Amino acid sequence: MSDTAGSGRDATDARTTDGLYGSSQSPDRQRDRLTSGEIPVAVYGLGKMGLPLAAVYAETTGNVTGVDIDPTVIETITDGESHVVGEPGLADLVADQVDAGRLEATTDGSTAASAARIHVIIVPTLLDDENDPDLTTVESVVDDIAAGLAPGDLVIAESTLPPGTCRDVLEPHLASESGLATDEFGLAFCPERTSSGTALRDIRGQYPKVVGGVDPESTRAAAVVYDELSENEVHPVSDATTAEAVKVFEGIYRDVNIGLANELGLLADELGVSAREAMDTANDLPMCQLHDPGPGVGGHCIPYYPHFLLGRTDEPMAVTETARQVNHEMPSVVVDRLERELARVDTDIAEASVVVLGVTYRPGVEETRASPALGVIDDLLERGADVAGVDPLVDPADYGARPVTIEELSEAAFDAAVIVTPHEAFDRIDWGGLERMVVIDGRDAVDLSETPHREYDLAGSSDGRPPRGSRDPDGGIERDDTDRDGGDRDGIEREPSEAVSASTDGGNDV
């Protein structure tokens, strides 16, 4: 954002000081002013979540300035277009709001702050090289806001933050840089609860909106805003730190749950069952809510949030730390499984050609941050494999893999394929027409039992196939891997101890 600094008091000269925070107006009048455009809003950060949020603020309040450091993003929005793909309805909403003059965009954060009375922060909180939360971007936005902060203004943080950040970092920083007392402006944490691909639906009210202020008046003012933005209930909590904890706890729950699912999934080899089938069936009981196992956890949320608490509290948080380690190492476990399967057909991974299907962290979402595919690609390259990649949304070459199109798969010969992210476009793959290879399916995405490929399903399949087996016509399981006595149906004789090792390796180093 802009580096311009200044006094918030100076910025009030041309403006009324009657914002939402500490307002003496009736609740109805406050809502009328908010929805009529009399209270200008600035949204800082116009990324995958920021632009949808700014657009919904615009359709609700009619007076929004979006701020971003990328001039290309600003130019695109100014032209009435959306740079964010894969969000149903967003392009039309942006076009409508820009055309109606309800939404504009700028790179000048301090100027936008001087005009705004509500300031919404939705920029990423990433991790540094030591896995500590990096608040640099958030603090840069706060500097811009402080340059234009005036009495009665309300600052809302939607960016996920370590619990205590609003109280211990943002509030004193805003006060110091603006020259205002802490009781002259409001500050609330109102976490975004959205997913890529459903952002507009989620912002408009798919889930209750959590609001928590550094003081009761901040909570009240933020509730006025989100009562208008959201069709769902507003859920005020005790304070901003509690609201921050809500969002971090949500992410940690999912990471721990997936870590447990991955740990249980790796038992499928040793037990000779489909762990997916067992977990799906266990979920018949409402008190059991096991998530899906897979090749890892990606995106800009779940892999990061545990580190907002790990090492920052006196409690050891052993469960959280273990789950994070399990999920972090899953890409290497997948490559371990591939190396083992290749060895069973007398192929050295260092001499193998492998195609990775899916580079983004989720199907249909153009986001690669912390994607398990990146770990798979890196590990394959470290083991000497020749690595190609297929993805309909991003260029695999940007991540170290030779790019291949879906159509080119039938013209190439690979020793193996690893399904990491099952994009819908992959439904076009004619597996029966491809050269025989080893296929590691990390997502239970395909059934190759009627093809010549050697398929390994991580954790087994939901319809009951164990990792390396297929159903016979009578509904039983016909295994083609290790016999109980140590023999192997792939024709390689092993000692019993070696057979046990072959069925469990890869999980031991998790």
Protein backbone atom coordinates (compact mmCIF):
# COMPACT_ATOMS: atom_id res chain seq x y z
CA MET A 1 0.00 0.00 0.00
CA SER A 2 1.03 3.63 -0.08
CA ASP A 3 3.82 4.77 2.26
CA THR A 4 2.16 8.17 2.80
CA ALA A 5 1.76 9.02 6.48
CA GLY A 6 -0.22 11.71 8.23
CA SER A 7 -2.45 12.63 11.12
CA GLY A 8 -5.91 11.15 11.26
CA ARG A 9 -7.16 14.30 12.96
CA ASP A 10 -6.10 16.38 9.92
CA ALA A 11 -8.12 14.07 7.68
CA THR A 12 -11.39 14.93 9.45
CA ASP A 13 -11.50 18.56 8.35
CA ALA A 14 -13.71 17.95 5.31
CA ARG A 15 -15.72 15.15 6.88
CA THR A 16 -18.30 14.66 9.55
CA THR A 17 -16.90 12.88 12.60
CA ASP A 18 -20.12 10.96 13.05
CA GLY A 19 -19.08 7.48 11.95
CA LEU A 20 -20.58 4.23 13.20
CA TYR A 21 -18.25 3.97 16.18
CA GLY A 22 -19.65 5.95 19.09
CA SER A 23 -22.52 7.23 16.96
CA SER A 24 -25.30 9.13 18.73
CA GLN A 25 -27.72 8.46 15.87
CA SER A 26 -30.52 5.94 16.14
CA PRO A 27 -29.81 2.38 14.95
CA ASP A 28 -32.21 2.87 12.02
CA ARG A 29 -30.41 6.04 10.95
CA GLN A 30 -27.05 4.32 11.16
CA ARG A 31 -28.29 1.50 8.93
CA ASP A 32 -29.81 3.97 6.47
CA ARG A 33 -26.55 5.91 6.19
CA LEU A 34 -24.60 2.67 5.74
CA THR A 35 -26.80 1.32 2.96
CA SER A 36 -27.28 4.66 1.18
CA GLY A 37 -23.60 5.26 0.56
CA GLU A 38 -23.25 8.06 3.13
CA ILE A 39 -20.59 6.05 4.96
CA PRO A 40 -17.70 5.36 2.54
CA VAL A 41 -15.97 2.00 2.79
CA ALA A 42 -12.41 1.05 1.85
CA VAL A 43 -11.49 -2.62 1.36
CA TYR A 44 -7.75 -3.28 1.49
CA GLY A 45 -6.71 -6.33 -0.53
CA LEU A 46 -8.47 -7.38 -3.73
CA GLY A 47 -7.37 -10.99 -4.06
CA LYS A 48 -9.42 -14.18 -4.23
CA MET A 49 -11.39 -13.28 -1.13
CA GLY A 50 -10.91 -9.50 -1.10
CA LEU A 51 -12.54 -8.77 -4.45
CA PRO A 52 -15.70 -10.77 -3.69
CA LEU A 53 -15.90 -9.04 -0.31
CA ALA A 54 -15.47 -5.59 -1.86
CA ALA A 55 -18.15 -6.39 -4.45
CA VAL A 56 -20.65 -7.49 -1.79
CA TYR A 57 -19.84 -4.40 0.27
CA ALA A 58 -20.49 -2.33 -2.87
CA GLU A 59 -23.88 -3.90 -3.59
CA THR A 60 -24.84 -3.39 0.07
CA THR A 61 -23.47 0.09 0.79
CA GLY A 62 -23.06 1.65 -2.66
CA ASN A 63 -19.80 3.44 -1.85
CA VAL A 64 -16.66 1.26 -1.87
CA THR A 65 -13.05 1.85 -2.83
CA GLY A 66 -10.93 -1.25 -3.22
CA VAL A 67 -7.20 -0.97 -2.57
CA ASP A 68 -4.46 -3.22 -3.91
CA ILE A 69 -0.74 -2.85 -4.58
CA ASP A 70 -0.98 -4.48 -8.03
CA PRO A 71 -1.66 -1.86 -10.77
CA THR A 72 -2.82 -4.59 -13.14
CA VAL A 73 -5.50 -5.65 -10.67
CA ILE A 74 -6.65 -2.03 -10.33
CA GLU A 75 -6.77 -1.56 -14.09
CA THR A 76 -8.80 -4.73 -14.56
CA ILE A 77 -11.36 -3.75 -11.93
CA THR A 78 -11.56 -0.18 -13.22
CA ASP A 79 -12.48 -1.68 -16.59
CA GLY A 80 -15.34 -3.51 -14.89
CA GLU A 81 -13.69 -6.91 -15.05
CA SER A 82 -12.70 -9.51 -12.48
CA HIS A 83 -9.18 -10.93 -12.33
CA VAL A 84 -10.41 -13.69 -10.01
CA VAL A 85 -11.53 -16.81 -11.87
CA GLY A 86 -13.64 -19.70 -10.70
CA GLU A 87 -16.09 -17.61 -8.65
CA PRO A 88 -19.65 -17.95 -10.01
CA GLY A 89 -21.36 -14.58 -10.39
CA LEU A 90 -18.35 -12.47 -9.44
CA ALA A 91 -17.54 -11.14 -12.92
CA ASP A 92 -21.12 -9.93 -13.41
CA LEU A 93 -21.29 -8.42 -9.92
CA VAL A 94 -18.03 -6.50 -10.40
CA ALA A 95 -19.15 -5.24 -13.81
CA ASP A 96 -22.50 -4.09 -12.42
CA GLN A 97 -21.04 -2.33 -9.38
CA VAL A 98 -18.31 -0.56 -11.34
CA ASP A 99 -20.77 0.50 -14.03
CA ALA A 100 -23.12 1.91 -11.39
CA GLY A 101 -20.28 3.86 -9.75
CA ARG A 102 -20.60 1.90 -6.52
CA LEU A 103 -17.15 0.29 -6.74
CA GLU A 104 -13.82 1.81 -7.72
CA ALA A 105 -10.22 0.73 -7.17
CA THR A 106 -6.87 2.35 -6.45
CA THR A 107 -3.30 1.60 -5.39
CA ASP A 108 -3.28 4.69 -3.12
CA GLY A 109 -4.18 3.27 0.26
CA SER A 110 -3.72 6.40 2.35
CA THR A 111 -5.92 8.51 0.05
CA ALA A 112 -8.62 5.82 0.16
CA ALA A 113 -8.33 5.78 3.96
CA SER A 114 -8.80 9.55 4.16
CA ALA A 115 -12.13 9.26 2.35
CA ALA A 116 -13.41 6.15 4.14
CA ARG A 117 -15.21 5.77 7.47
CA ILE A 118 -15.15 1.96 7.48
CA HIS A 119 -11.84 0.23 6.75
CA VAL A 120 -11.84 -3.51 5.95
CA ILE A 121 -8.55 -5.43 5.95
CA ILE A 122 -8.42 -8.66 3.96
CA VAL A 123 -4.81 -9.30 3.01
CA PRO A 124 -2.97 -12.59 3.63
CA THR A 125 -1.05 -13.42 6.78
CA LEU A 126 1.71 -15.75 5.60
CA LEU A 127 4.59 -17.45 7.40
CA ASP A 128 8.27 -16.56 7.38
CA ASP A 129 11.13 -19.01 6.92
CA GLU A 130 10.82 -20.03 10.57
CA ASN A 131 7.08 -20.72 10.24
CA ASP A 132 6.25 -17.66 12.34
CA PRO A 133 3.29 -15.48 11.29
CA ASP A 134 4.42 -12.60 9.08
CA LEU A 135 2.29 -9.52 9.75
CA THR A 136 4.24 -7.27 7.36
CA THR A 137 1.41 -6.90 4.84
CA VAL A 138 -1.23 -6.34 7.52
CA GLU A 139 0.92 -3.72 9.23
CA SER A 140 1.48 -1.95 5.90
CA VAL A 141 -2.28 -1.68 5.47
CA VAL A 142 -2.64 -0.42 9.03
CA ASP A 143 -0.11 2.33 8.25
CA ASP A 144 -2.29 3.45 5.34
CA ILE A 145 -5.43 3.37 7.46
CA ALA A 146 -3.77 5.31 10.26
CA ALA A 147 -2.83 8.06 7.77
CA GLY A 148 -6.53 8.78 7.27
CA LEU A 149 -8.11 7.53 10.48
CA ALA A 150 -10.63 9.90 12.06
CA PRO A 151 -12.79 9.83 15.22
CA GLY A 152 -15.78 7.55 14.74
CA ASP A 153 -14.06 5.37 12.11
CA LEU A 154 -14.40 1.60 12.32
CA VAL A 155 -11.56 -0.72 11.34
CA ILE A 156 -12.54 -4.32 10.58
CA ALA A 157 -9.96 -7.08 10.17
CA GLU A 158 -11.14 -10.06 8.14
CA SER A 159 -7.61 -11.38 7.56
CA THR A 160 -6.89 -14.40 9.72
CA LEU A 161 -4.62 -13.31 12.56
CA PRO A 162 -2.90 -14.96 15.53
CA PRO A 163 -5.14 -14.54 18.59
CA GLY A 164 -4.31 -11.31 20.38
CA THR A 165 -3.16 -9.40 17.27
CA CYS A 166 -5.96 -6.83 17.26
CA ARG A 167 -5.50 -6.10 20.95
CA ASP A 168 -1.70 -6.21 21.14
CA VAL A 169 -0.58 -5.09 17.68
CA LEU A 170 -3.23 -3.37 15.54
CA GLU A 171 -4.95 -1.17 18.13
CA PRO A 172 -1.75 0.36 19.59
CA HIS A 173 -0.28 0.73 16.09
CA LEU A 174 -3.35 2.56 14.81
CA ALA A 175 -3.39 4.84 17.83
CA SER A 176 0.32 5.61 17.66
CA GLU A 177 0.39 6.34 13.93
CA SER A 178 -2.91 8.27 13.77
CA GLY A 179 -2.54 10.35 16.92
CA LEU A 180 -5.98 9.26 18.09
CA ALA A 181 -6.83 7.81 21.48
CA THR A 182 -7.92 4.17 21.43
CA ASP A 183 -11.46 5.15 22.45
CA GLU A 184 -11.87 7.45 19.43
CA PHE A 185 -12.04 4.69 16.81
CA GLY A 186 -13.39 1.18 16.63
CA LEU A 187 -11.53 -2.04 15.85
CA ALA A 188 -13.15 -5.42 15.38
CA PHE A 189 -12.15 -8.82 14.11
CA CYS A 190 -14.76 -10.36 11.81
CA PRO A 191 -13.17 -13.42 10.17
CA GLU A 192 -13.97 -14.34 6.60
CA ARG A 193 -15.62 -17.75 6.45
CA THR A 194 -15.50 -18.35 2.75
CA SER A 195 -14.23 -20.99 0.35
CA SER A 196 -12.87 -20.58 -3.15
CA GLY A 197 -15.63 -21.26 -5.64
CA THR A 198 -18.45 -20.21 -3.30
CA ALA A 199 -17.19 -16.83 -2.09
CA LEU A 200 -20.25 -14.74 -2.94
CA ARG A 201 -22.64 -17.26 -1.45
CA ASP A 202 -20.56 -17.49 1.72
CA ILE A 203 -20.11 -13.73 2.19
CA ARG A 204 -23.81 -13.09 1.67
CA GLY A 205 -24.72 -15.41 4.51
CA GLN A 206 -23.98 -19.11 4.13
CA TYR A 207 -22.64 -19.17 7.69
CA PRO A 208 -23.18 -17.05 10.82
CA LYS A 209 -20.90 -14.01 10.85
CA VAL A 210 -18.61 -13.81 13.85
CA VAL A 211 -17.82 -10.32 15.20
CA GLY A 212 -15.64 -9.41 18.14
CA GLY A 213 -14.38 -5.95 19.01
CA VAL A 214 -11.57 -4.65 21.19
CA ASP A 215 -14.36 -2.99 23.18
CA PRO A 216 -18.16 -3.43 23.31
CA GLU A 217 -18.79 -0.41 21.07
CA SER A 218 -16.55 -1.87 18.35
CA THR A 219 -18.52 -5.11 18.52
CA ARG A 220 -21.82 -3.22 18.27
CA ALA A 221 -20.68 -1.14 15.29
CA ALA A 222 -19.35 -4.17 13.42
CA ALA A 223 -22.63 -5.99 14.05
CA VAL A 224 -24.51 -3.10 12.40
CA VAL A 225 -22.36 -3.56 9.28
CA TYR A 226 -22.71 -7.31 8.98
CA ASP A 227 -26.40 -7.31 9.83
CA GLU A 228 -26.76 -5.58 6.46
CA LEU A 229 -24.12 -7.56 4.53
CA SER A 230 -25.19 -11.02 5.65
CA GLU A 231 -28.52 -12.77 5.40
CA ASN A 232 -27.44 -15.08 8.21
CA GLU A 233 -27.25 -14.28 11.90
CA VAL A 234 -24.45 -12.18 13.34
CA HIS A 235 -22.74 -13.93 16.23
CA PRO A 236 -21.04 -11.45 18.57
CA VAL A 237 -18.36 -12.94 20.82
CA SER A 238 -16.72 -11.56 23.95
CA ASP A 239 -13.85 -9.71 22.30
CA ALA A 240 -11.55 -9.53 19.29
CA THR A 241 -9.16 -12.15 20.65
CA THR A 242 -12.00 -14.65 20.99
CA ALA A 243 -13.06 -13.95 17.39
CA GLU A 244 -9.46 -14.44 16.23
CA ALA A 245 -9.35 -17.74 18.11
CA VAL A 246 -12.59 -18.88 16.45
CA LYS A 247 -11.04 -18.65 12.98
CA VAL A 248 -7.73 -20.23 13.96
CA PHE A 249 -9.46 -23.03 15.88
CA GLU A 250 -11.62 -23.80 12.83
CA GLY A 251 -8.52 -24.25 10.67
CA ILE A 252 -6.65 -26.30 13.26
CA TYR A 253 -9.64 -28.61 13.69
CA ARG A 254 -9.63 -29.38 9.99
CA ASP A 255 -5.87 -29.89 9.87
CA VAL A 256 -5.97 -32.26 12.84
CA ASN A 257 -8.97 -34.13 11.44
CA ILE A 258 -7.29 -34.58 8.06
CA GLY A 259 -4.08 -35.64 9.80
CA LEU A 260 -6.01 -38.35 11.64
CA ALA A 261 -7.70 -39.42 8.40
CA ASN A 262 -4.32 -39.64 6.68
CA GLU A 263 -2.84 -41.65 9.54
CA LEU A 264 -5.76 -44.09 9.47
CA GLY A 265 -5.63 -44.19 5.68
CA LEU A 266 -2.06 -45.43 5.73
CA LEU A 267 -3.20 -48.50 7.68
CA ALA A 268 -5.09 -49.72 4.62
CA ASP A 269 -2.00 -51.50 3.23
CA GLU A 270 -1.26 -53.43 6.41
CA LEU A 271 -4.89 -54.31 7.16
CA GLY A 272 -5.70 -55.19 3.57
CA VAL A 273 -8.87 -53.10 3.59
CA SER A 274 -10.14 -49.83 2.21
CA ALA A 275 -9.69 -47.32 5.00
CA ARG A 276 -11.90 -44.92 3.04
CA GLU A 277 -14.79 -47.37 3.17
CA ALA A 278 -14.25 -47.85 6.90
CA MET A 279 -14.14 -44.10 7.55
CA ASP A 280 -17.15 -43.38 5.34
CA THR A 281 -19.14 -46.02 7.20
CA ALA A 282 -17.96 -44.75 10.60
CA ASN A 283 -19.33 -41.34 9.60
CA ASP A 284 -22.83 -42.83 9.60
CA LEU A 285 -22.81 -41.91 13.28
CA PRO A 286 -23.29 -38.17 13.83
CA MET A 287 -20.61 -38.10 16.53
CA CYS A 288 -17.99 -39.25 13.98
CA GLN A 289 -16.93 -36.70 11.35
CA LEU A 290 -13.72 -38.03 9.81
CA HIS A 291 -12.48 -35.99 6.85
CA ASP A 292 -11.10 -37.48 3.64
CA PRO A 293 -7.50 -38.71 3.48
CA GLY A 294 -5.31 -37.50 0.64
CA PRO A 295 -1.82 -36.55 -0.53
CA GLY A 296 -1.57 -33.54 1.76
CA VAL A 297 -3.20 -30.23 2.69
CA GLY A 298 -2.90 -27.10 0.59
CA GLY A 299 -4.29 -23.62 0.15
CA HIS A 300 -3.82 -20.33 1.95
CA CYS A 301 -5.59 -21.40 5.15
CA ILE A 302 -5.30 -24.81 6.78
CA PRO A 303 -1.53 -25.41 6.43
CA TYR A 304 -0.79 -21.99 7.94
CA TYR A 305 -3.19 -21.54 10.85
CA PRO A 306 -1.64 -24.14 13.22
CA HIS A 307 1.56 -22.09 13.16
CA PHE A 308 -0.37 -19.08 14.46
CA LEU A 309 -0.33 -20.90 17.81
CA LEU A 310 2.44 -23.51 17.62
CA GLY A 311 5.49 -22.23 19.48
CA ARG A 312 3.63 -19.09 20.56
CA THR A 313 1.96 -20.52 23.66
CA ASP A 314 3.22 -22.22 26.83
CA GLU A 315 1.17 -25.29 25.98
CA PRO A 316 3.04 -27.85 23.82
CA MET A 317 0.01 -28.52 21.53
CA ALA A 318 1.30 -32.00 20.73
CA VAL A 319 -1.82 -33.11 18.84
CA THR A 320 -1.79 -30.06 16.59
CA GLU A 321 1.93 -30.36 15.94
CA THR A 322 1.73 -34.06 15.11
CA ALA A 323 -1.16 -33.58 12.70
CA ARG A 324 0.68 -30.75 10.95
CA GLN A 325 3.72 -33.01 10.56
CA VAL A 326 1.61 -35.87 9.19
CA ASN A 327 -0.03 -33.64 6.60
CA HIS A 328 3.20 -31.87 5.69
CA GLU A 329 4.90 -35.19 4.95
CA MET A 330 2.08 -36.77 2.93
CA PRO A 331 3.52 -35.75 -0.48
CA SER A 332 6.69 -37.70 0.38
CA VAL A 333 4.57 -40.65 1.55
CA VAL A 334 2.83 -40.63 -1.83
CA VAL A 335 6.18 -40.70 -3.62
CA ASP A 336 7.32 -43.51 -1.29
CA ARG A 337 4.30 -45.51 -2.36
CA LEU A 338 5.05 -44.79 -6.00
CA GLU A 339 8.68 -45.85 -5.62
CA ARG A 340 7.55 -49.12 -4.06
CA GLU A 341 5.00 -49.82 -6.80
CA LEU A 342 7.56 -49.07 -9.50
CA ALA A 343 10.02 -51.45 -7.86
CA ARG A 344 7.42 -54.20 -8.07
CA VAL A 345 7.45 -53.87 -11.84
CA ASP A 346 11.26 -53.67 -11.89
CA THR A 347 11.44 -49.93 -12.56
CA ASP A 348 13.83 -47.63 -10.70
CA ILE A 349 12.20 -44.31 -9.82
CA ALA A 350 15.43 -42.55 -10.79
CA GLU A 351 14.91 -43.81 -14.33
CA ALA A 352 11.15 -43.38 -14.44
CA SER A 353 9.03 -40.86 -16.28
CA VAL A 354 6.14 -39.68 -14.10
CA VAL A 355 3.22 -37.42 -14.93
CA VAL A 356 1.57 -35.52 -12.08
CA LEU A 357 -2.13 -34.82 -12.63
CA GLY A 358 -3.24 -31.62 -10.94
CA VAL A 359 -0.97 -28.86 -9.62
CA THR A 360 -3.47 -26.57 -7.89
CA TYR A 361 -4.47 -27.46 -4.35
CA ARG A 362 -8.17 -27.91 -5.18
CA PRO A 363 -10.09 -28.93 -8.29
CA GLY A 364 -11.29 -25.95 -10.28
CA VAL A 365 -9.41 -23.40 -8.14
CA GLU A 366 -6.50 -21.45 -9.59
CA GLU A 367 -4.44 -21.51 -6.38
CA THR A 368 -1.18 -23.38 -5.80
CA ARG A 369 -0.15 -22.07 -2.39
CA ALA A 370 1.04 -25.03 -0.28
CA SER A 371 -0.42 -27.44 -2.84
CA PRO A 372 0.56 -31.07 -2.15
CA ALA A 373 1.44 -31.36 -5.85
CA LEU A 374 4.40 -29.05 -5.34
CA GLY A 375 5.82 -31.39 -2.71
CA VAL A 376 5.20 -34.40 -4.95
CA ILE A 377 6.97 -32.74 -7.88
CA ASP A 378 9.93 -31.64 -5.76
CA ASP A 379 10.33 -35.07 -4.19
CA LEU A 380 10.15 -36.82 -7.56
CA LEU A 381 12.81 -34.51 -8.95
CA GLU A 382 15.04 -35.12 -5.94
CA ARG A 383 14.78 -38.87 -6.54
CA GLY A 384 15.84 -38.42 -10.16
CA ALA A 385 12.55 -38.98 -11.94
CA ASP A 386 11.63 -37.23 -15.18
CA VAL A 387 8.53 -35.25 -14.17
CA ALA A 388 5.72 -33.97 -16.38
CA GLY A 389 2.57 -32.23 -15.22
CA VAL A 390 -0.98 -31.63 -16.40
CA ASP A 391 -3.23 -28.88 -15.09
CA PRO A 392 -6.00 -26.98 -16.89
CA LEU A 393 -5.58 -23.84 -14.75
CA VAL A 394 -1.84 -23.27 -14.27
CA ASP A 395 1.38 -23.98 -16.15
CA PRO A 396 3.21 -26.95 -14.58
CA ALA A 397 6.47 -25.52 -15.93
CA ASP A 398 6.23 -22.80 -13.29
CA TYR A 399 6.55 -25.51 -10.65
CA GLY A 400 9.32 -27.66 -12.12
CA ALA A 401 7.32 -30.10 -14.24
CA ARG A 402 7.36 -30.43 -18.02
CA PRO A 403 3.91 -29.32 -19.22
CA VAL A 404 1.71 -31.85 -20.99
CA THR A 405 -1.88 -31.43 -22.15
CA ILE A 406 -4.63 -33.96 -21.61
CA GLU A 407 -4.67 -34.68 -25.33
CA GLU A 408 -0.92 -35.30 -25.36
CA LEU A 409 -1.16 -38.01 -22.71
CA SER A 410 -2.25 -40.57 -25.29
CA GLU A 411 0.76 -39.74 -27.45
CA ALA A 412 3.31 -40.15 -24.65
CA ALA A 413 4.55 -43.12 -22.69
CA PHE A 414 4.96 -42.73 -18.94
CA ASP A 415 6.07 -45.23 -16.37
CA ALA A 416 3.71 -43.77 -13.82
CA ALA A 417 1.03 -41.20 -13.08
CA VAL A 418 0.16 -39.57 -9.75
CA ILE A 419 -3.33 -38.13 -9.33
CA VAL A 420 -3.03 -35.27 -6.84
CA THR A 421 -5.87 -32.90 -7.77
CA PRO A 422 -8.78 -34.41 -9.73
CA HIS A 423 -9.88 -31.52 -11.95
CA GLU A 424 -13.14 -32.08 -13.80
CA ALA A 425 -11.21 -31.79 -17.07
CA PHE A 426 -9.45 -35.06 -16.22
CA ASP A 427 -12.72 -36.89 -16.86
CA ARG A 428 -11.73 -36.65 -20.53
CA ILE A 429 -8.70 -38.88 -20.04
CA ASP A 430 -9.07 -42.18 -21.90
CA TRP A 431 -7.21 -44.36 -19.45
CA GLY A 432 -7.81 -47.47 -21.52
CA GLY A 433 -6.01 -45.86 -24.43
CA LEU A 434 -2.87 -44.97 -22.49
CA GLU A 435 0.30 -47.04 -22.33
CA ARG A 436 0.35 -49.36 -19.33
CA MET A 437 1.77 -47.68 -16.23
CA VAL A 438 1.65 -47.49 -12.46
CA VAL A 439 -1.08 -45.09 -11.28
CA ILE A 440 -1.07 -43.68 -7.76
CA ASP A 441 -4.53 -42.29 -7.08
CA GLY A 442 -4.31 -39.96 -4.10
CA ARG A 443 -7.94 -38.86 -4.21
CA ASP A 444 -10.04 -41.95 -5.02
CA ALA A 445 -10.69 -40.27 -8.34
CA VAL A 446 -10.69 -43.19 -10.80
CA ASP A 447 -11.38 -46.90 -11.01
CA LEU A 448 -8.85 -48.49 -13.34
CA SER A 449 -9.74 -52.10 -12.55
CA GLU A 450 -10.90 -52.64 -16.15
CA THR A 451 -7.64 -51.24 -17.60
CA PRO A 452 -4.15 -52.74 -17.82
CA HIS A 453 -2.70 -50.18 -15.42
CA ARG A 454 -1.28 -51.09 -12.01
CA GLU A 455 -3.42 -48.92 -9.74
CA TYR A 456 -2.64 -48.00 -6.16
CA ASP A 457 -5.43 -46.14 -4.32
CA LEU A 458 -4.11 -44.18 -1.35
CA ALA A 459 -6.18 -45.42 1.64
CA GLY A 460 -8.28 -47.54 -0.70
CA SER A 461 -11.49 -46.58 -2.47
CA SER A 462 -14.89 -45.61 -1.14
CA ASP A 463 -16.50 -48.59 -2.85
CA GLY A 464 -14.36 -50.99 -0.85
CA ARG A 465 -11.29 -51.69 -2.99
CA PRO A 466 -8.13 -51.87 -0.86
CA PRO A 467 -5.12 -49.89 -2.04
CA ARG A 468 -3.97 -52.53 -4.46
CA GLY A 469 -6.94 -54.72 -5.33
CA SER A 470 -10.22 -54.98 -7.22
CA ARG A 471 -13.64 -56.45 -6.64
CA ASP A 472 -14.39 -59.79 -8.23
CA PRO A 473 -17.78 -60.34 -9.93
CA ASP A 474 -19.20 -61.83 -6.70
CA GLY A 475 -18.44 -58.69 -4.72
CA GLY A 476 -15.39 -59.96 -2.86
CA ILE A 477 -11.91 -58.46 -2.97
CA GLU A 478 -9.35 -59.98 -5.30
CA ARG A 479 -5.90 -58.89 -4.14
CA ASP A 480 -2.87 -58.75 -6.38
CA ASP A 481 -0.32 -57.72 -3.79
CA THR A 482 1.24 -59.44 -0.81
CA ASP A 483 -0.08 -62.80 0.45
CA ARG A 484 -0.34 -63.29 4.18
CA ASP A 485 2.55 -65.79 4.03
CA GLY A 486 4.91 -63.31 2.40
CA GLY A 487 4.52 -64.39 -1.22
CA ASP A 488 3.71 -61.70 -3.78
CA ARG A 489 1.28 -62.01 -6.65
CA ASP A 490 3.42 -59.79 -8.83
CA GLY A 491 5.80 -62.73 -9.16
CA ILE A 492 8.56 -61.49 -6.87
CA GLU A 493 9.31 -63.90 -4.04
CA ARG A 494 10.15 -62.25 -0.72
CA GLU A 495 10.93 -63.34 2.82
CA PRO A 496 7.98 -62.82 5.18
CA SER A 497 9.71 -59.96 6.98
CA GLU A 498 10.40 -58.18 3.68
CA ALA A 499 6.78 -58.51 2.64
CA VAL A 500 5.61 -56.86 5.86
CA SER A 501 8.09 -54.05 5.39
CA ALA A 502 6.93 -53.48 1.83
CA SER A 503 3.34 -53.10 3.00
CA THR A 504 4.07 -50.57 5.73
CA ASP A 505 6.96 -48.40 4.55
CA GLY A 506 6.19 -44.79 3.87
CA GLY A 507 4.00 -44.55 6.94
CA ASN A 508 6.85 -45.14 9.39
CA ASP A 509 8.46 -41.75 8.77
CA VAL A 510 5.23 -39.80 9.32
